[in-house]
Amino acid sequence: IAALVGGPAPVSVQILTDAALLMLNVRTLQSSGQTEPRVGWL
């Protein structure tokens, strides 16, 4: 989320144990954050 708001982050993300994720659409989140107050606040 921080990278979505502020741009590429100076971190790496490592999977320590087998993991399952739901990869969200970045553009949808960015657009909703700018047009939907509740998403922006979240």
ModelCIF file with pLDDT and N, C-alpha, C, O atoms, coordinates in Angstrom:
data_MODEL
#
_entry.id   MODEL 
#
_entity.id                         1 
_entity.type                       polymer 
_entity.pdbx_number_of_molecules   1 
#
_entity_poly.entity_id                      1 
_entity_poly.type                           'polypeptide(L)' 
_entity_poly.nstd_linkage                   no 
_entity_poly.nstd_monomer                   no 
_entity_poly.pdbx_seq_one_letter_code       IAALVGGPAPVSVQILTDAALLMLNVRTLQSSGQTEPRVGWL 
_entity_poly.pdbx_seq_one_letter_code_can   IAALVGGPAPVSVQILTDAALLMLNVRTLQSSGQTEPRVGWL 
_entity_poly.pdbx_strand_id                 A 
#
loop_
_entity_poly_seq.entity_id 
_entity_poly_seq.num 
_entity_poly_seq.mon_id 
_entity_poly_seq.hetero 
1 1  ILE n 
1 2  ALA n 
1 3  ALA n 
1 4  LEU n 
1 5  VAL n 
1 6  GLY n 
1 7  GLY n 
1 8  PRO n 
1 9  ALA n 
1 10 PRO n 
1 11 VAL n 
1 12 SER n 
1 13 VAL n 
1 14 GLN n 
1 15 ILE n 
1 16 LEU n 
1 17 THR n 
1 18 ASP n 
1 19 ALA n 
1 20 ALA n 
1 21 LEU n 
1 22 LEU n 
1 23 MET n 
1 24 LEU n 
1 25 ASN n 
1 26 VAL n 
1 27 ARG n 
1 28 THR n 
1 29 LEU n 
1 30 GLN n 
1 31 SER n 
1 32 SER n 
1 33 GLY n 
1 34 GLN n 
1 35 THR n 
1 36 GLU n 
1 37 PRO n 
1 38 ARG n 
1 39 VAL n 
1 40 GLY n 
1 41 TRP n 
1 42 LEU n 
#
_struct_asym.id          A 
_struct_asym.entity_id   1 
#
loop_
_ma_qa_metric.id 
_ma_qa_metric.mode 
_ma_qa_metric.name 
_ma_qa_metric.software_group_id 
_ma_qa_metric.type 
1 global pLDDT . pLDDT 
2 local  pLDDT . pLDDT 
#
_ma_qa_metric_global.metric_id      1 
_ma_qa_metric_global.metric_value   93.71 
_ma_qa_metric_global.model_id       1 
_ma_qa_metric_global.ordinal_id     1 
#
loop_
_ma_qa_metric_local.label_asym_id 
_ma_qa_metric_local.label_comp_id 
_ma_qa_metric_local.label_seq_id 
_ma_qa_metric_local.metric_id 
_ma_qa_metric_local.metric_value 
_ma_qa_metric_local.model_id 
_ma_qa_metric_local.ordinal_id 
A ILE 1  2 95.00 1 1  
A ALA 2  2 93.00 1 2  
A ALA 3  2 93.00 1 3  
A LEU 4  2 92.00 1 4  
A VAL 5  2 93.00 1 5  
A GLY 6  2 91.00 1 6  
A GLY 7  2 92.00 1 7  
A PRO 8  2 92.00 1 8  
A ALA 9  2 91.00 1 9  
A PRO 10 2 92.00 1 10 
A VAL 11 2 92.00 1 11 
A SER 12 2 93.00 1 12 
A VAL 13 2 94.00 1 13 
A GLN 14 2 90.00 1 14 
A ILE 15 2 92.00 1 15 
A LEU 16 2 86.00 1 16 
A THR 17 2 84.00 1 17 
A ASP 18 2 90.00 1 18 
A ALA 19 2 94.00 1 19 
A ALA 20 2 95.00 1 20 
A LEU 21 2 96.00 1 21 
A LEU 22 2 95.00 1 22 
A MET 23 2 96.00 1 23 
A LEU 24 2 96.00 1 24 
A ASN 25 2 95.00 1 25 
A VAL 26 2 95.00 1 26 
A ARG 27 2 95.00 1 27 
A THR 28 2 95.00 1 28 
A LEU 29 2 95.00 1 29 
A GLN 30 2 95.00 1 30 
A SER 31 2 95.00 1 31 
A SER 32 2 96.00 1 32 
A GLY 33 2 95.00 1 33 
A GLN 34 2 96.00 1 34 
A THR 35 2 96.00 1 35 
A GLU 36 2 96.00 1 36 
A PRO 37 2 96.00 1 37 
A ARG 38 2 96.00 1 38 
A VAL 39 2 96.00 1 39 
A GLY 40 2 96.00 1 40 
A TRP 41 2 96.00 1 41 
A LEU 42 2 95.00 1 42 
#
loop_
_atom_site.group_PDB 
_atom_site.id 
_atom_site.type_symbol 
_atom_site.label_atom_id 
_atom_site.label_alt_id 
_atom_site.label_comp_id 
_atom_site.label_asym_id 
_atom_site.label_entity_id 
_atom_site.label_seq_id 
_atom_site.pdbx_PDB_ins_code 
_atom_site.Cartn_x 
_atom_site.Cartn_y 
_atom_site.Cartn_z 
_atom_site.occupancy 
_atom_site.B_iso_or_equiv 
_atom_site.pdbx_formal_charge 
_atom_site.auth_seq_id 
_atom_site.auth_comp_id 
_atom_site.auth_asym_id 
_atom_site.auth_atom_id 
_atom_site.pdbx_PDB_model_num 
ATOM 1   N N  . ILE A 1 1  ? 0.825   -1.210  0.000   1.00 95.00 ? 1  ILE A N  1 
ATOM 2   C CA . ILE A 1 1  ? 0.000   0.000   0.000   1.00 95.00 ? 1  ILE A CA 1 
ATOM 3   C C  . ILE A 1 1  ? 0.861   1.262   0.000   1.00 95.00 ? 1  ILE A C  1 
ATOM 4   O O  . ILE A 1 1  ? 0.542   2.228   -0.693  1.00 95.00 ? 1  ILE A O  1 
ATOM 5   N N  . ALA A 1 2  ? 1.947   1.260   0.772   1.00 93.00 ? 2  ALA A N  1 
ATOM 6   C CA . ALA A 1 2  ? 2.814   2.443   0.810   1.00 93.00 ? 2  ALA A CA 1 
ATOM 7   C C  . ALA A 1 2  ? 3.416   2.714   -0.567  1.00 93.00 ? 2  ALA A C  1 
ATOM 8   O O  . ALA A 1 2  ? 3.512   3.868   -0.984  1.00 93.00 ? 2  ALA A O  1 
ATOM 9   N N  . ALA A 1 3  ? 3.822   1.657   -1.275  1.00 93.00 ? 3  ALA A N  1 
ATOM 10  C CA . ALA A 1 3  ? 4.385   1.829   -2.617  1.00 93.00 ? 3  ALA A CA 1 
ATOM 11  C C  . ALA A 1 3  ? 3.325   2.325   -3.591  1.00 93.00 ? 3  ALA A C  1 
ATOM 12  O O  . ALA A 1 3  ? 3.620   3.101   -4.500  1.00 93.00 ? 3  ALA A O  1 
ATOM 13  N N  . LEU A 1 4  ? 2.088   1.871   -3.395  1.00 92.00 ? 4  LEU A N  1 
ATOM 14  C CA . LEU A 1 4  ? 0.985   2.314   -4.239  1.00 92.00 ? 4  LEU A CA 1 
ATOM 15  C C  . LEU A 1 4  ? 0.785   3.823   -4.112  1.00 92.00 ? 4  LEU A C  1 
ATOM 16  O O  . LEU A 1 4  ? 0.489   4.499   -5.098  1.00 92.00 ? 4  LEU A O  1 
ATOM 17  N N  . VAL A 1 5  ? 0.947   4.349   -2.897  1.00 93.00 ? 5  VAL A N  1 
ATOM 18  C CA . VAL A 1 5  ? 0.731   5.775   -2.641  1.00 93.00 ? 5  VAL A CA 1 
ATOM 19  C C  . VAL A 1 5  ? 1.982   6.596   -2.954  1.00 93.00 ? 5  VAL A C  1 
ATOM 20  O O  . VAL A 1 5  ? 1.897   7.655   -3.576  1.00 93.00 ? 5  VAL A O  1 
ATOM 21  N N  . GLY A 1 6  ? 3.140   6.101   -2.520  1.00 91.00 ? 6  GLY A N  1 
ATOM 22  C CA . GLY A 1 6  ? 4.362   6.889   -2.616  1.00 91.00 ? 6  GLY A CA 1 
ATOM 23  C C  . GLY A 1 6  ? 5.322   6.502   -3.716  1.00 91.00 ? 6  GLY A C  1 
ATOM 24  O O  . GLY A 1 6  ? 6.353   7.152   -3.888  1.00 91.00 ? 6  GLY A O  1 
ATOM 25  N N  . GLY A 1 7  ? 5.006   5.447   -4.476  1.00 92.00 ? 7  GLY A N  1 
ATOM 26  C CA . GLY A 1 7  ? 5.909   4.997   -5.529  1.00 92.00 ? 7  GLY A CA 1 
ATOM 27  C C  . GLY A 1 7  ? 6.792   3.867   -5.056  1.00 92.00 ? 7  GLY A C  1 
ATOM 28  O O  . GLY A 1 7  ? 6.682   3.440   -3.906  1.00 92.00 ? 7  GLY A O  1 
ATOM 29  N N  . PRO A 1 8  ? 7.677   3.365   -5.925  1.00 92.00 ? 8  PRO A N  1 
ATOM 30  C CA . PRO A 1 8  ? 8.538   2.217   -5.605  1.00 92.00 ? 8  PRO A CA 1 
ATOM 31  C C  . PRO A 1 8  ? 9.205   2.354   -4.245  1.00 92.00 ? 8  PRO A C  1 
ATOM 32  O O  . PRO A 1 8  ? 9.719   3.416   -3.894  1.00 92.00 ? 8  PRO A O  1 
ATOM 33  N N  . ALA A 1 9  ? 9.189   1.255   -3.482  1.00 91.00 ? 9  ALA A N  1 
ATOM 34  C CA . ALA A 1 9  ? 9.674   1.282   -2.104  1.00 91.00 ? 9  ALA A CA 1 
ATOM 35  C C  . ALA A 1 9  ? 11.089  0.712   -1.998  1.00 91.00 ? 9  ALA A C  1 
ATOM 36  O O  . ALA A 1 9  ? 11.465  -0.154  -2.788  1.00 91.00 ? 9  ALA A O  1 
ATOM 37  N N  . PRO A 1 10 ? 11.877  1.192   -1.026  1.00 92.00 ? 10 PRO A N  1 
ATOM 38  C CA . PRO A 1 10 ? 13.253  0.692   -0.840  1.00 92.00 ? 10 PRO A CA 1 
ATOM 39  C C  . PRO A 1 10 ? 13.302  -0.578  -0.012  1.00 92.00 ? 10 PRO A C  1 
ATOM 40  O O  . PRO A 1 10 ? 14.138  -0.706  0.882   1.00 92.00 ? 10 PRO A O  1 
ATOM 41  N N  . VAL A 1 11 ? 12.409  -1.522  -0.306  1.00 92.00 ? 11 VAL A N  1 
ATOM 42  C CA . VAL A 1 11 ? 12.337  -2.778  0.442   1.00 92.00 ? 11 VAL A CA 1 
ATOM 43  C C  . VAL A 1 11 ? 12.214  -3.942  -0.525  1.00 92.00 ? 11 VAL A C  1 
ATOM 44  O O  . VAL A 1 11 ? 11.919  -3.755  -1.705  1.00 92.00 ? 11 VAL A O  1 
ATOM 45  N N  . SER A 1 12 ? 12.442  -5.146  -0.013  1.00 93.00 ? 12 SER A N  1 
ATOM 46  C CA . SER A 1 12 ? 12.163  -6.371  -0.739  1.00 93.00 ? 12 SER A CA 1 
ATOM 47  C C  . SER A 1 12 ? 11.185  -7.198  0.086   1.00 93.00 ? 12 SER A C  1 
ATOM 48  O O  . SER A 1 12 ? 11.093  -7.024  1.301   1.00 93.00 ? 12 SER A O  1 
ATOM 49  N N  . VAL A 1 13 ? 10.457  -8.096  -0.567  1.00 94.00 ? 13 VAL A N  1 
ATOM 50  C CA . VAL A 1 13 ? 9.437   -8.907  0.106   1.00 94.00 ? 13 VAL A CA 1 
ATOM 51  C C  . VAL A 1 13 ? 9.754   -10.377 -0.148  1.00 94.00 ? 13 VAL A C  1 
ATOM 52  O O  . VAL A 1 13 ? 9.795   -10.823 -1.294  1.00 94.00 ? 13 VAL A O  1 
ATOM 53  N N  . GLN A 1 14 ? 9.976   -11.120 0.924   1.00 90.00 ? 14 GLN A N  1 
ATOM 54  C CA . GLN A 1 14 ? 10.411  -12.513 0.849   1.00 90.00 ? 14 GLN A CA 1 
ATOM 55  C C  . GLN A 1 14 ? 9.370   -13.440 1.467   1.00 90.00 ? 14 GLN A C  1 
ATOM 56  O O  . GLN A 1 14 ? 8.849   -13.167 2.547   1.00 90.00 ? 14 GLN A O  1 
ATOM 57  N N  . ILE A 1 15 ? 9.074   -14.529 0.779   1.00 92.00 ? 15 ILE A N  1 
ATOM 58  C CA . ILE A 1 15 ? 8.130   -15.526 1.275   1.00 92.00 ? 15 ILE A CA 1 
ATOM 59  C C  . ILE A 1 15 ? 8.893   -16.481 2.197   1.00 92.00 ? 15 ILE A C  1 
ATOM 60  O O  . ILE A 1 15 ? 9.762   -17.221 1.736   1.00 92.00 ? 15 ILE A O  1 
ATOM 61  N N  . LEU A 1 16 ? 8.575   -16.471 3.496   1.00 86.00 ? 16 LEU A N  1 
ATOM 62  C CA . LEU A 1 16 ? 9.270   -17.327 4.456   1.00 86.00 ? 16 LEU A CA 1 
ATOM 63  C C  . LEU A 1 16 ? 8.698   -18.734 4.503   1.00 86.00 ? 16 LEU A C  1 
ATOM 64  O O  . LEU A 1 16 ? 9.443   -19.709 4.605   1.00 86.00 ? 16 LEU A O  1 
ATOM 65  N N  . THR A 1 17 ? 7.373   -18.842 4.428   1.00 84.00 ? 17 THR A N  1 
ATOM 66  C CA . THR A 1 17 ? 6.723   -20.152 4.368   1.00 84.00 ? 17 THR A CA 1 
ATOM 67  C C  . THR A 1 17 ? 5.807   -20.161 3.148   1.00 84.00 ? 17 THR A C  1 
ATOM 68  O O  . THR A 1 17 ? 5.419   -19.099 2.661   1.00 84.00 ? 17 THR A O  1 
ATOM 69  N N  . ASP A 1 18 ? 5.460   -21.340 2.652   1.00 90.00 ? 18 ASP A N  1 
ATOM 70  C CA . ASP A 1 18 ? 4.534   -21.401 1.524   1.00 90.00 ? 18 ASP A CA 1 
ATOM 71  C C  . ASP A 1 18 ? 3.355   -20.474 1.806   1.00 90.00 ? 18 ASP A C  1 
ATOM 72  O O  . ASP A 1 18 ? 2.767   -20.516 2.887   1.00 90.00 ? 18 ASP A O  1 
ATOM 73  N N  . ALA A 1 19 ? 3.016   -19.639 0.830   1.00 94.00 ? 19 ALA A N  1 
ATOM 74  C CA . ALA A 1 19 ? 2.011   -18.604 1.067   1.00 94.00 ? 19 ALA A CA 1 
ATOM 75  C C  . ALA A 1 19 ? 1.017   -18.522 -0.085  1.00 94.00 ? 19 ALA A C  1 
ATOM 76  O O  . ALA A 1 19 ? 1.325   -18.879 -1.222  1.00 94.00 ? 19 ALA A O  1 
ATOM 77  N N  . ALA A 1 20 ? -0.170  -18.046 0.235   1.00 95.00 ? 20 ALA A N  1 
ATOM 78  C CA . ALA A 1 20 ? -1.195  -17.761 -0.767  1.00 95.00 ? 20 ALA A CA 1 
ATOM 79  C C  . ALA A 1 20 ? -1.565  -16.288 -0.652  1.00 95.00 ? 20 ALA A C  1 
ATOM 80  O O  . ALA A 1 20 ? -1.787  -15.779 0.447   1.00 95.00 ? 20 ALA A O  1 
ATOM 81  N N  . LEU A 1 21 ? -1.628  -15.610 -1.791  1.00 96.00 ? 21 LEU A N  1 
ATOM 82  C CA . LEU A 1 21 ? -1.966  -14.202 -1.811  1.00 96.00 ? 21 LEU A CA 1 
ATOM 83  C C  . LEU A 1 21 ? -3.021  -13.929 -2.874  1.00 96.00 ? 21 LEU A C  1 
ATOM 84  O O  . LEU A 1 21 ? -3.168  -14.677 -3.840  1.00 96.00 ? 21 LEU A O  1 
ATOM 85  N N  . LEU A 1 22 ? -3.746  -12.843 -2.669  1.00 95.00 ? 22 LEU A N  1 
ATOM 86  C CA . LEU A 1 22 ? -4.664  -12.336 -3.666  1.00 95.00 ? 22 LEU A CA 1 
ATOM 87  C C  . LEU A 1 22 ? -4.063  -11.019 -4.152  1.00 95.00 ? 22 LEU A C  1 
ATOM 88  O O  . LEU A 1 22 ? -4.081  -10.019 -3.434  1.00 95.00 ? 22 LEU A O  1 
ATOM 89  N N  . MET A 1 23 ? -3.528  -11.024 -5.385  1.00 96.00 ? 23 MET A N  1 
ATOM 90  C CA . MET A 1 23 ? -2.867  -9.840  -5.917  1.00 96.00 ? 23 MET A CA 1 
ATOM 91  C C  . MET A 1 23 ? -3.919  -8.878  -6.460  1.00 96.00 ? 23 MET A C  1 
ATOM 92  O O  . MET A 1 23 ? -4.673  -9.209  -7.375  1.00 96.00 ? 23 MET A O  1 
ATOM 93  N N  . LEU A 1 24 ? -3.953  -7.682  -5.879  1.00 96.00 ? 24 LEU A N  1 
ATOM 94  C CA . LEU A 1 24 ? -4.969  -6.696  -6.204  1.00 96.00 ? 24 LEU A CA 1 
ATOM 95  C C  . LEU A 1 24 ? -4.529  -5.815  -7.374  1.00 96.00 ? 24 LEU A C  1 
ATOM 96  O O  . LEU A 1 24 ? -3.335  -5.660  -7.633  1.00 96.00 ? 24 LEU A O  1 
ATOM 97  N N  . ASN A 1 25 ? -5.504  -5.245  -8.072  1.00 95.00 ? 25 ASN A N  1 
ATOM 98  C CA . ASN A 1 25 ? -5.216  -4.387  -9.212  1.00 95.00 ? 25 ASN A CA 1 
ATOM 99  C C  . ASN A 1 25 ? -4.747  -3.015  -8.720  1.00 95.00 ? 25 ASN A C  1 
ATOM 100 O O  . ASN A 1 25 ? -5.503  -2.283  -8.082  1.00 95.00 ? 25 ASN A O  1 
ATOM 101 N N  . VAL A 1 26 ? -3.496  -2.678  -9.022  1.00 95.00 ? 26 VAL A N  1 
ATOM 102 C CA . VAL A 1 26 ? -2.902  -1.433  -8.532  1.00 95.00 ? 26 VAL A CA 1 
ATOM 103 C C  . VAL A 1 26 ? -3.653  -0.216  -9.051  1.00 95.00 ? 26 VAL A C  1 
ATOM 104 O O  . VAL A 1 26 ? -3.930  0.710   -8.290  1.00 95.00 ? 26 VAL A O  1 
ATOM 105 N N  . ARG A 1 27 ? -3.984  -0.209  -10.335 1.00 95.00 ? 27 ARG A N  1 
ATOM 106 C CA . ARG A 1 27 ? -4.666  0.953   -10.905 1.00 95.00 ? 27 ARG A CA 1 
ATOM 107 C C  . ARG A 1 27 ? -6.044  1.161   -10.297 1.00 95.00 ? 27 ARG A C  1 
ATOM 108 O O  . ARG A 1 27 ? -6.471  2.294   -10.079 1.00 95.00 ? 27 ARG A O  1 
ATOM 109 N N  . THR A 1 28 ? -6.737  0.060   -10.025 1.00 95.00 ? 28 THR A N  1 
ATOM 110 C CA . THR A 1 28 ? -8.063  0.164   -9.397  1.00 95.00 ? 28 THR A CA 1 
ATOM 111 C C  . THR A 1 28 ? -7.940  0.789   -8.012  1.00 95.00 ? 28 THR A C  1 
ATOM 112 O O  . THR A 1 28 ? -8.722  1.668   -7.652  1.00 95.00 ? 28 THR A O  1 
ATOM 113 N N  . LEU A 1 29 ? -6.959  0.336   -7.239  1.00 95.00 ? 29 LEU A N  1 
ATOM 114 C CA . LEU A 1 29 ? -6.764  0.879   -5.900  1.00 95.00 ? 29 LEU A CA 1 
ATOM 115 C C  . LEU A 1 29 ? -6.378  2.358   -5.960  1.00 95.00 ? 29 LEU A C  1 
ATOM 116 O O  . LEU A 1 29 ? -6.896  3.163   -5.186  1.00 95.00 ? 29 LEU A O  1 
ATOM 117 N N  . GLN A 1 30 ? -5.481  2.718   -6.864  1.00 95.00 ? 30 GLN A N  1 
ATOM 118 C CA . GLN A 1 30 ? -5.061  4.115   -6.974  1.00 95.00 ? 30 GLN A CA 1 
ATOM 119 C C  . GLN A 1 30 ? -6.208  5.018   -7.398  1.00 95.00 ? 30 GLN A C  1 
ATOM 120 O O  . GLN A 1 30 ? -6.388  6.105   -6.850  1.00 95.00 ? 30 GLN A O  1 
ATOM 121 N N  . SER A 1 31 ? -6.979  4.565   -8.369  1.00 95.00 ? 31 SER A N  1 
ATOM 122 C CA . SER A 1 31 ? -8.109  5.358   -8.842  1.00 95.00 ? 31 SER A CA 1 
ATOM 123 C C  . SER A 1 31 ? -9.167  5.518   -7.752  1.00 95.00 ? 31 SER A C  1 
ATOM 124 O O  . SER A 1 31 ? -9.681  6.615   -7.530  1.00 95.00 ? 31 SER A O  1 
ATOM 125 N N  . SER A 1 32 ? -9.488  4.412   -7.074  1.00 96.00 ? 32 SER A N  1 
ATOM 126 C CA . SER A 1 32 ? -10.496 4.476   -6.010  1.00 96.00 ? 32 SER A CA 1 
ATOM 127 C C  . SER A 1 32 ? -10.016 5.325   -4.840  1.00 96.00 ? 32 SER A C  1 
ATOM 128 O O  . SER A 1 32 ? -10.808 6.006   -4.191  1.00 96.00 ? 32 SER A O  1 
ATOM 129 N N  . GLY A 1 33 ? -8.708  5.279   -4.575  1.00 95.00 ? 33 GLY A N  1 
ATOM 130 C CA . GLY A 1 33 ? -8.163  6.088   -3.491  1.00 95.00 ? 33 GLY A CA 1 
ATOM 131 C C  . GLY A 1 33 ? -8.304  7.572   -3.735  1.00 95.00 ? 33 GLY A C  1 
ATOM 132 O O  . GLY A 1 33 ? -8.369  8.361   -2.793  1.00 95.00 ? 33 GLY A O  1 
ATOM 133 N N  . GLN A 1 34 ? -8.353  7.955   -5.004  1.00 96.00 ? 34 GLN A N  1 
ATOM 134 C CA . GLN A 1 34 ? -8.463  9.365   -5.364  1.00 96.00 ? 34 GLN A CA 1 
ATOM 135 C C  . GLN A 1 34 ? -9.912  9.827   -5.537  1.00 96.00 ? 34 GLN A C  1 
ATOM 136 O O  . GLN A 1 34 ? -10.202 11.021  -5.457  1.00 96.00 ? 34 GLN A O  1 
ATOM 137 N N  . THR A 1 35 ? -10.813 8.881   -5.774  1.00 96.00 ? 35 THR A N  1 
ATOM 138 C CA . THR A 1 35 ? -12.208 9.258   -6.055  1.00 96.00 ? 35 THR A CA 1 
ATOM 139 C C  . THR A 1 35 ? -13.189 8.829   -4.969  1.00 96.00 ? 35 THR A C  1 
ATOM 140 O O  . THR A 1 35 ? -14.280 9.389   -4.861  1.00 96.00 ? 35 THR A O  1 
ATOM 141 N N  . GLU A 1 36 ? -12.807 7.837   -4.163  1.00 96.00 ? 36 GLU A N  1 
ATOM 142 C CA . GLU A 1 36 ? -13.685 7.337   -3.096  1.00 96.00 ? 36 GLU A CA 1 
ATOM 143 C C  . GLU A 1 36 ? -13.086 7.719   -1.741  1.00 96.00 ? 36 GLU A C  1 
ATOM 144 O O  . GLU A 1 36 ? -12.057 7.167   -1.351  1.00 96.00 ? 36 GLU A O  1 
ATOM 145 N N  . PRO A 1 37 ? -13.707 8.648   -1.020  1.00 96.00 ? 37 PRO A N  1 
ATOM 146 C CA . PRO A 1 37 ? -13.140 9.099   0.259   1.00 96.00 ? 37 PRO A CA 1 
ATOM 147 C C  . PRO A 1 37 ? -12.857 7.961   1.241   1.00 96.00 ? 37 PRO A C  1 
ATOM 148 O O  . PRO A 1 37 ? -11.855 8.000   1.956   1.00 96.00 ? 37 PRO A O  1 
ATOM 149 N N  . ARG A 1 38 ? -13.712 6.965   1.284   1.00 96.00 ? 38 ARG A N  1 
ATOM 150 C CA . ARG A 1 38 ? -13.517 5.882   2.250   1.00 96.00 ? 38 ARG A CA 1 
ATOM 151 C C  . ARG A 1 38 ? -12.295 5.037   1.888   1.00 96.00 ? 38 ARG A C  1 
ATOM 152 O O  . ARG A 1 38 ? -11.585 4.553   2.770   1.00 96.00 ? 38 ARG A O  1 
ATOM 153 N N  . VAL A 1 39 ? -12.057 4.866   0.598   1.00 96.00 ? 39 VAL A N  1 
ATOM 154 C CA . VAL A 1 39 ? -10.871 4.125   0.178   1.00 96.00 ? 39 VAL A CA 1 
ATOM 155 C C  . VAL A 1 39 ? -9.623  4.953   0.439   1.00 96.00 ? 39 VAL A C  1 
ATOM 156 O O  . VAL A 1 39 ? -8.612  4.428   0.905   1.00 96.00 ? 39 VAL A O  1 
ATOM 157 N N  . GLY A 1 40 ? -9.692  6.250   0.138   1.00 96.00 ? 40 GLY A N  1 
ATOM 158 C CA . GLY A 1 40 ? -8.559  7.126   0.408   1.00 96.00 ? 40 GLY A CA 1 
ATOM 159 C C  . GLY A 1 40 ? -8.181  7.129   1.881   1.00 96.00 ? 40 GLY A C  1 
ATOM 160 O O  . GLY A 1 40 ? -7.001  7.099   2.229   1.00 96.00 ? 40 GLY A O  1 
ATOM 161 N N  . TRP A 1 41 ? -9.194  7.167   2.744   1.00 96.00 ? 41 TRP A N  1 
ATOM 162 C CA . TRP A 1 41 ? -8.934  7.146   4.188   1.00 96.00 ? 41 TRP A CA 1 
ATOM 163 C C  . TRP A 1 41 ? -8.353  5.803   4.612   1.00 96.00 ? 41 TRP A C  1 
ATOM 164 O O  . TRP A 1 41 ? -7.466  5.751   5.464   1.00 96.00 ? 41 TRP A O  1 
ATOM 165 N N  . LEU A 1 42 ? -8.850  4.710   4.019   1.00 95.00 ? 42 LEU A N  1 
ATOM 166 C CA . LEU A 1 42 ? -8.315  3.382   4.332   1.00 95.00 ? 42 LEU A CA 1 
ATOM 167 C C  . LEU A 1 42 ? -6.839  3.292   3.956   1.00 95.00 ? 42 LEU A C  1 
ATOM 168 O O  . LEU A 1 42 ? -6.216  2.247   4.147   1.00 95.00 ? 42 LEU A O  1 
#
